[in-house]
C-alpha atoms as a PDB file:
ATOM      1  CA  MET A   1      15.313 -14.009 -11.296  1.00  0.00           C
ATOM      2  CA  MET A   2      12.886 -16.722 -10.136  1.00  0.00           C
ATOM      3  CA  THR A   3       9.120 -16.238 -10.924  1.00  0.00           C
ATOM      4  CA  ALA A   4       6.923 -16.454  -8.378  1.00  0.00           C
ATOM      5  CA  LEU A   5       5.163 -19.748  -9.657  1.00  0.00           C
ATOM      6  CA  GLU A   6       8.853 -21.302  -9.762  1.00  0.00           C
ATOM      7  CA  ALA A   7       9.307 -20.351  -6.345  1.00  0.00           C
ATOM      8  CA  LEU A   8       5.875 -21.991  -5.095  1.00  0.00           C
ATOM      9  CA  ALA A   9       6.839 -24.996  -6.825  1.00  0.00           C
ATOM     10  CA  ARG A  10      10.049 -25.153  -5.343  1.00  0.00           C
ATOM     11  CA  LEU A  11       8.429 -24.863  -1.907  1.00  0.00           C
ATOM     12  CA  GLN A  12       5.671 -27.345  -2.444  1.00  0.00           C
ATOM     13  CA  GLU A  13       8.481 -29.785  -3.266  1.00  0.00           C
ATOM     14  CA  GLY A  14      10.466 -29.113  -0.469  1.00  0.00           C
ATOM     15  CA  ASN A  15       7.619 -29.424   1.773  1.00  0.00           C
ATOM     16  CA  ARG A  16       6.538 -32.837  -0.021  1.00  0.00           C
ATOM     17  CA  ARG A  17      10.406 -34.027   1.201  1.00  0.00           C
ATOM     18  CA  PHE A  18       9.679 -33.041   4.461  1.00  0.00           C
ATOM     19  CA  ALA A  19       6.310 -34.383   5.288  1.00  0.00           C
ATOM     20  CA  GLU A  20       7.462 -37.815   3.537  1.00  0.00           C
ATOM     21  CA  GLY A  21      10.458 -37.987   5.734  1.00  0.00           C
ATOM     22  CA  GLU A  22      12.824 -37.412   2.926  1.00  0.00           C
ATOM     23  CA  GLY A  23      14.077 -33.945   4.090  1.00  0.00           C
ATOM     24  CA  GLY A  24      17.759 -33.029   4.393  1.00  0.00           C
ATOM     25  CA  ILE A  25      18.993 -31.123   1.022  1.00  0.00           C
ATOM     26  CA  GLY A  26      22.852 -31.777   1.206  1.00  0.00           C
ATOM     27  CA  ASN A  27      25.459 -29.402   1.671  1.00  0.00           C
ATOM     28  CA  THR A  28      23.477 -26.142   1.658  1.00  0.00           C
ATOM     29  CA  SER A  29      24.488 -25.427   5.124  1.00  0.00           C
ATOM     30  CA  SER A  30      28.082 -26.455   4.617  1.00  0.00           C
ATOM     31  CA  ALA A  31      31.228 -24.186   5.001  1.00  0.00           C
ATOM     32  CA  GLU A  32      31.410 -23.704   1.021  1.00  0.00           C
ATOM     33  CA  ARG A  33      27.829 -22.814   1.011  1.00  0.00           C
ATOM     34  CA  ARG A  34      28.518 -19.945   3.828  1.00  0.00           C
ATOM     35  CA  ASN A  35      31.197 -18.625   1.795  1.00  0.00           C
ATOM     36  CA  GLN A  36      29.207 -18.546  -1.287  1.00  0.00           C
ATOM     37  CA  LEU A  37      26.691 -16.247   0.821  1.00  0.00           C
ATOM     38  CA  VAL A  38      29.377 -14.005   2.268  1.00  0.00           C
ATOM     39  CA  SER A  39      28.985 -11.512  -0.799  1.00  0.00           C
ATOM     40  CA  GLY A  40      25.247 -11.496  -0.816  1.00  0.00           C
ATOM     41  CA  GLN A  41      22.217 -13.278  -1.037  1.00  0.00           C
ATOM     42  CA  GLU A  42      19.257 -14.198  -3.369  1.00  0.00           C
ATOM     43  CA  PRO A  43      16.307 -15.748  -1.548  1.00  0.00           C
ATOM     44  CA  PHE A  44      13.775 -17.061  -3.744  1.00  0.00           C
ATOM     45  CA  ALA A  45      10.922 -16.552  -1.394  1.00  0.00           C
ATOM     46  CA  ILE A  46       9.663 -14.503   1.715  1.00  0.00           C
ATOM     47  CA  ILE A  47       8.145 -16.071   4.188  1.00  0.00           C
ATOM     48  CA  LEU A  48       6.160 -14.011   6.881  1.00  0.00           C
ATOM     49  CA  GLY A  49       5.388 -16.725   9.377  1.00  0.00           C
ATOM     50  CA  CYS A  50       4.285 -17.565  13.034  1.00  0.00           C
ATOM     51  CA  SER A  51       7.239 -17.515  16.051  1.00  0.00           C
ATOM     52  CA  ASP A  52       5.689 -21.129  17.080  1.00  0.00           C
ATOM     53  CA  SER A  53       8.784 -23.439  17.755  1.00  0.00           C
ATOM     54  CA  ARG A  54       6.774 -26.018  15.606  1.00  0.00           C
ATOM     55  CA  ALA A  55       6.813 -23.972  12.524  1.00  0.00           C
ATOM     56  CA  PRO A  56      10.165 -23.348  11.148  1.00  0.00           C
ATOM     57  CA  ALA A  57      10.035 -22.305   7.704  1.00  0.00           C
ATOM     58  CA  GLU A  58      13.216 -23.600   6.511  1.00  0.00           C
ATOM     59  CA  ILE A  59      12.803 -26.982   8.001  1.00  0.00           C
ATOM     60  CA  LEU A  60       9.107 -26.983   6.574  1.00  0.00           C
ATOM     61  CA  PHE A  61      10.296 -26.418   3.214  1.00  0.00           C
ATOM     62  CA  ASP A  62      13.368 -28.266   3.146  1.00  0.00           C
ATOM     63  CA  GLN A  63      15.606 -25.198   2.382  1.00  0.00           C
ATOM     64  CA  GLY A  64      18.996 -24.402   3.513  1.00  0.00           C
ATOM     65  CA  LEU A  65      21.085 -20.974   4.034  1.00  0.00           C
ATOM     66  CA  GLY A  66      20.389 -18.194   1.796  1.00  0.00           C
ATOM     67  CA  ASP A  67      17.189 -19.671   0.232  1.00  0.00           C
ATOM     68  CA  LEU A  68      14.220 -18.027   2.019  1.00  0.00           C
ATOM     69  CA  PHE A  69      13.881 -14.497   3.952  1.00  0.00           C
ATOM     70  CA  VAL A  70      11.886 -15.451   6.675  1.00  0.00           C
ATOM     71  CA  ILE A  71      10.229 -13.032   9.251  1.00  0.00           C
ATOM     72  CA  ARG A  72       8.482 -14.517  12.269  1.00  0.00           C
ATOM     73  CA  VAL A  73       5.953 -13.102  14.742  1.00  0.00           C
ATOM     74  CA  ALA A  74       3.341 -14.439  16.901  1.00  0.00           C
ATOM     75  CA  GLY A  75       0.283 -15.247  15.104  1.00  0.00           C
ATOM     76  CA  ASN A  76       2.009 -14.242  11.570  1.00  0.00           C
ATOM     77  CA  VAL A  77       0.228 -10.753  12.034  1.00  0.00           C
ATOM     78  CA  VAL A  78       1.164  -7.494   9.814  1.00  0.00           C
ATOM     79  CA  ALA A  79       2.635  -4.317  11.413  1.00  0.00           C
ATOM     80  CA  PRO A  80       4.589  -1.538   9.819  1.00  0.00           C
ATOM     81  CA  SER A  81       8.014  -3.089  10.601  1.00  0.00           C
ATOM     82  CA  LEU A  82       7.190  -6.419   9.082  1.00  0.00           C
ATOM     83  CA  VAL A  83       6.116  -4.960   5.848  1.00  0.00           C
ATOM     84  CA  ALA A  84       9.090  -2.707   5.677  1.00  0.00           C
ATOM     85  CA  SER A  85      11.069  -6.161   5.892  1.00  0.00           C
ATOM     86  CA  ILE A  86       8.989  -7.633   3.226  1.00  0.00           C
ATOM     87  CA  GLU A  87       9.481  -4.504   1.053  1.00  0.00           C
ATOM     88  CA  PHE A  88      13.318  -4.521   1.583  1.00  0.00           C
ATOM     89  CA  ALA A  89      13.542  -8.122   0.347  1.00  0.00           C
ATOM     90  CA  ALA A  90      11.252  -7.825  -2.635  1.00  0.00           C
ATOM     91  CA  GLU A  91      12.996  -4.662  -3.821  1.00  0.00           C
ATOM     92  CA  ARG A  92      16.674  -5.532  -2.728  1.00  0.00           C
ATOM     93  CA  PHE A  93      16.917  -9.201  -3.764  1.00  0.00           C
ATOM     94  CA  GLY A  94      14.170  -9.478  -6.329  1.00  0.00           C
ATOM     95  CA  THR A  95      12.126 -12.050  -4.532  1.00  0.00           C
ATOM     96  CA  ARG A  96       8.781 -12.415  -6.007  1.00  0.00           C
ATOM     97  CA  LEU A  97       6.906 -14.827  -3.980  1.00  0.00           C
ATOM     98  CA  VAL A  98       5.568 -13.995  -0.395  1.00  0.00           C
ATOM     99  CA  VAL A  99       4.014 -16.468   1.534  1.00  0.00           C
ATOM    100  CA  VAL A 100       1.731 -15.609   4.877  1.00  0.00           C
ATOM    101  CA  LEU A 101       2.377 -18.868   6.711  1.00  0.00           C
ATOM    102  CA  GLY A 102       0.056 -19.700   9.593  1.00  0.00           C
ATOM    103  CA  HIS A 103      -0.468 -23.034  11.059  1.00  0.00           C
ATOM    104  CA  SER A 104      -2.968 -25.388  12.782  1.00  0.00           C
ATOM    105  CA  SER A 105      -3.591 -25.016  16.535  1.00  0.00           C
ATOM    106  CA  CYS A 106      -1.940 -21.495  16.591  1.00  0.00           C
ATOM    107  CA  GLY A 107      -1.171 -20.183  20.237  1.00  0.00           C
ATOM    108  CA  ALA A 108      -1.776 -16.456  19.169  1.00  0.00           C
ATOM    109  CA  VAL A 109      -5.201 -17.144  17.515  1.00  0.00           C
ATOM    110  CA  GLN A 110      -6.281 -19.293  20.428  1.00  0.00           C
ATOM    111  CA  ALA A 111      -5.363 -16.696  22.700  1.00  0.00           C
ATOM    112  CA  THR A 112      -7.103 -13.990  20.749  1.00  0.00           C
ATOM    113  CA  ILE A 113     -10.150 -16.166  21.099  1.00  0.00           C
ATOM    114  CA  GLU A 114      -9.771 -16.543  24.878  1.00  0.00           C
ATOM    115  CA  GLU A 115      -9.128 -12.622  25.107  1.00  0.00           C
ATOM    116  CA  LEU A 116     -12.293 -11.968  23.293  1.00  0.00           C
ATOM    117  CA  LYS A 117     -14.427 -14.207  25.436  1.00  0.00           C
ATOM    118  CA  ARG A 118     -13.230 -12.608  28.790  1.00  0.00           C
ATOM    119  CA  PRO A 119     -14.779  -9.606  30.343  1.00  0.00           C
ATOM    120  CA  PRO A 120     -12.759  -6.250  29.105  1.00  0.00           C
ATOM    121  CA  GLU A 121     -11.502  -5.669  32.312  1.00  0.00           C
ATOM    122  CA  GLU A 122      -9.824  -9.107  32.686  1.00  0.00           C
ATOM    123  CA  ARG A 123      -7.869  -8.730  29.270  1.00  0.00           C
ATOM    124  CA  SER A 124      -3.941  -8.538  29.366  1.00  0.00           C
ATOM    125  CA  PRO A 125      -2.878  -5.252  28.071  1.00  0.00           C
ATOM    126  CA  ASN A 126       0.331  -6.605  26.863  1.00  0.00           C
ATOM    127  CA  MET A 127      -1.599  -9.085  24.511  1.00  0.00           C
ATOM    128  CA  ARG A 128      -3.113  -6.159  22.731  1.00  0.00           C
ATOM    129  CA  SER A 129      -0.710  -5.533  20.109  1.00  0.00           C
ATOM    130  CA  ILE A 130      -1.191  -9.051  18.882  1.00  0.00           C
ATOM    131  CA  VAL A 131      -4.746  -9.636  19.675  1.00  0.00           C
ATOM    132  CA  GLY A 132      -5.521  -6.026  18.218  1.00  0.00           C
ATOM    133  CA  ARG A 133      -4.568  -7.052  14.802  1.00  0.00           C
ATOM    134  CA  ILE A 134      -5.856 -10.834  15.072  1.00  0.00           C
ATOM    135  CA  ARG A 135      -9.229  -9.924  16.288  1.00  0.00           C
ATOM    136  CA  PRO A 136     -10.994  -8.280  13.275  1.00  0.00           C
ATOM    137  CA  SER A 137     -10.554 -11.616  11.342  1.00  0.00           C
ATOM    138  CA  VAL A 138     -11.547 -13.908  14.191  1.00  0.00           C
ATOM    139  CA  GLU A 139     -14.348 -11.764  16.123  1.00  0.00           C
ATOM    140  CA  THR A 140     -16.890 -12.319  13.442  1.00  0.00           C
ATOM    141  CA  LEU A 141     -16.724 -15.793  13.762  1.00  0.00           C
ATOM    142  CA  LEU A 142     -17.819 -15.611  17.436  1.00  0.00           C
ATOM    143  CA  HIS A 143     -21.187 -14.859  16.118  1.00  0.00           C
ATOM    144  CA  THR A 144     -21.613 -17.826  13.848  1.00  0.00           C
ATOM    145  CA  ASP A 145     -22.391 -21.520  14.232  1.00  0.00           C
ATOM    146  CA  VAL A 146     -18.780 -22.546  14.510  1.00  0.00           C
ATOM    147  CA  GLU A 147     -18.301 -20.683  17.745  1.00  0.00           C
ATOM    148  CA  LYS A 148     -20.187 -23.830  19.299  1.00  0.00           C
ATOM    149  CA  ASN A 149     -17.506 -26.166  17.935  1.00  0.00           C
ATOM    150  CA  PRO A 150     -13.922 -25.491  19.331  1.00  0.00           C
ATOM    151  CA  ASP A 151     -12.087 -27.490  16.615  1.00  0.00           C
ATOM    152  CA  LYS A 152     -14.011 -25.621  13.680  1.00  0.00           C
ATOM    153  CA  LEU A 153     -13.802 -22.592  15.342  1.00  0.00           C
ATOM    154  CA  MET A 154      -9.801 -22.698  15.416  1.00  0.00           C
ATOM    155  CA  HIS A 155      -9.710 -24.139  11.857  1.00  0.00           C
ATOM    156  CA  HIS A 156     -11.394 -21.174  10.655  1.00  0.00           C
ATOM    157  CA  ALA A 157      -9.959 -18.403  12.606  1.00  0.00           C
ATOM    158  CA  VAL A 158      -6.637 -19.895  11.742  1.00  0.00           C
ATOM    159  CA  ARG A 159      -7.496 -19.403   7.872  1.00  0.00           C
ATOM    160  CA  ALA A 160      -9.287 -16.063   8.692  1.00  0.00           C
ATOM    161  CA  ASN A 161      -6.131 -14.687  10.228  1.00  0.00           C
ATOM    162  CA  ILE A 162      -3.988 -15.890   7.410  1.00  0.00           C
ATOM    163  CA  ARG A 163      -6.316 -14.092   4.775  1.00  0.00           C
ATOM    164  CA  SER A 164      -6.350 -10.923   6.470  1.00  0.00           C
ATOM    165  CA  SER A 165      -2.630 -10.546   6.806  1.00  0.00           C
ATOM    166  CA  ALA A 166      -2.361 -11.539   2.808  1.00  0.00           C
ATOM    167  CA  HIS A 167      -4.878  -9.101   2.234  1.00  0.00           C
ATOM    168  CA  GLN A 168      -3.245  -6.262   4.151  1.00  0.00           C
ATOM    169  CA  LEU A 169       0.334  -6.986   2.242  1.00  0.00           C
ATOM    170  CA  ARG A 170      -1.605  -6.826  -1.060  1.00  0.00           C
ATOM    171  CA  ASN A 171      -3.547  -3.790  -0.342  1.00  0.00           C
ATOM    172  CA  GLY A 172      -1.553  -1.936   2.152  1.00  0.00           C
ATOM    173  CA  SER A 173       1.861  -1.117   0.423  1.00  0.00           C
ATOM    174  CA  GLN A 174       2.162   0.853  -2.252  1.00  0.00           C
ATOM    175  CA  ILE A 175       5.932  -0.640  -3.156  1.00  0.00           C
ATOM    176  CA  LEU A 176       4.255  -4.351  -2.961  1.00  0.00           C
ATOM    177  CA  GLU A 177       1.196  -3.268  -4.980  1.00  0.00           C
ATOM    178  CA  GLN A 178       3.611  -1.791  -7.588  1.00  0.00           C
ATOM    179  CA  LEU A 179       5.782  -4.948  -7.617  1.00  0.00           C
ATOM    180  CA  THR A 180       2.490  -6.913  -8.325  1.00  0.00           C
ATOM    181  CA  GLU A 181       1.154  -5.075 -10.773  1.00  0.00           C
ATOM    182  CA  GLN A 182       4.395  -4.512 -12.855  1.00  0.00           C
ATOM    183  CA  ASP A 183       6.865  -7.200 -11.636  1.00  0.00           C
ATOM    184  CA  GLY A 184       5.013 -10.276 -11.493  1.00  0.00           C
ATOM    185  CA  LEU A 185       5.078 -10.349  -7.242  1.00  0.00           C
ATOM    186  CA  LEU A 186       2.603 -12.842  -5.857  1.00  0.00           C
ATOM    187  CA  VAL A 187       1.268 -12.932  -2.244  1.00  0.00           C
ATOM    188  CA  VAL A 188      -0.197 -16.007  -1.201  1.00  0.00           C
ATOM    189  CA  GLY A 189      -1.749 -17.231   2.078  1.00  0.00           C
ATOM    190  CA  ALA A 190      -0.683 -21.122   3.554  1.00  0.00           C
ATOM    191  CA  GLU A 191      -1.324 -23.191   6.438  1.00  0.00           C
ATOM    192  CA  TYR A 192       0.975 -25.843   7.901  1.00  0.00           C
ATOM    193  CA  SER A 193      -0.665 -28.769   9.355  1.00  0.00           C
ATOM    194  CA  LEU A 194       1.119 -29.847  12.691  1.00  0.00           C
ATOM    195  CA  GLU A 195      -0.514 -33.368  12.429  1.00  0.00           C
ATOM    196  CA  THR A 196       0.433 -34.015   8.721  1.00  0.00           C
ATOM    197  CA  GLY A 197       3.484 -31.823   8.167  1.00  0.00           C
ATOM    198  CA  LEU A 198       1.722 -30.569   4.978  1.00  0.00           C
ATOM    199  CA  VAL A 199       1.420 -26.887   3.975  1.00  0.00           C
ATOM    200  CA  ASP A 200      -2.011 -25.998   2.232  1.00  0.00           C
ATOM    201  CA  PHE A 201      -1.411 -23.026  -0.130  1.00  0.00           C
ATOM    202  CA  PHE A 202      -5.076 -22.077  -0.213  1.00  0.00           C
ATOM    203  CA  ASP A 203      -5.187 -18.189  -0.721  1.00  0.00           C
ATOM    204  CA  GLY A 204      -4.079 -15.858  -3.511  1.00  0.00           C
ATOM    205  CA  LEU A 205      -2.944 -18.517  -6.252  1.00  0.00           C
ATOM    206  CA  PRO A 206      -3.529 -17.913  -9.851  1.00  0.00           C
ATOM    207  CA  GLY A 207      -7.140 -19.262 -10.307  1.00  0.00           C
ATOM    208  CA  LYS A 208      -8.269 -19.310  -6.745  1.00  0.00           C
ATOM    209  CA  PRO A 209     -10.219 -16.093  -5.484  1.00  0.00           C
ATOM    210  CA  VAL A 210      -8.383 -13.575  -3.533  1.00  0.00           C
ATOM    211  CA  ARG A 211     -10.131 -12.181  -0.460  1.00  0.00           C
END
């Protein structure tokens, strides 16, 4: 079983290849590889990412079939079914790295900011399931100086949302908490830059503060 730090290093190296235009890892999507996976899978990392079409985890990390267990939802928010999916993969496959992967210029975060600035009667009821989960990490920023700068507001809001989702996974699941304490599970937060192609792992790494 690959350790969390080994898995993290593999993701970082894959992202480096992608960002430098060296992506394409050979035959990991070949017929031979497909046949190898018929009897089972051993993904080395679990990714809770955003549904944005510009941020597919397998491509950003230059990985192939069977390498990543990916869950995608607008705004990389945490809901019960998503936690259950992560618990399933961590328990069933022994995967020890969970990455909450957000990205710059996230549309779901932007939609949340817009919704919060509208009068309540003008807010879309269909957005509540997403906005309600992003809102707590974003709302406080609207009462700070960054509110006056749209670019800074978006940057801080994206990262606050990633930290919030990672925190919920670390502290909202008995299974994940137990795996963290006893079996080396690591939950980290990361942001993919649409501009540079690089992923910055900024939350939850050993030696860095966890919020």
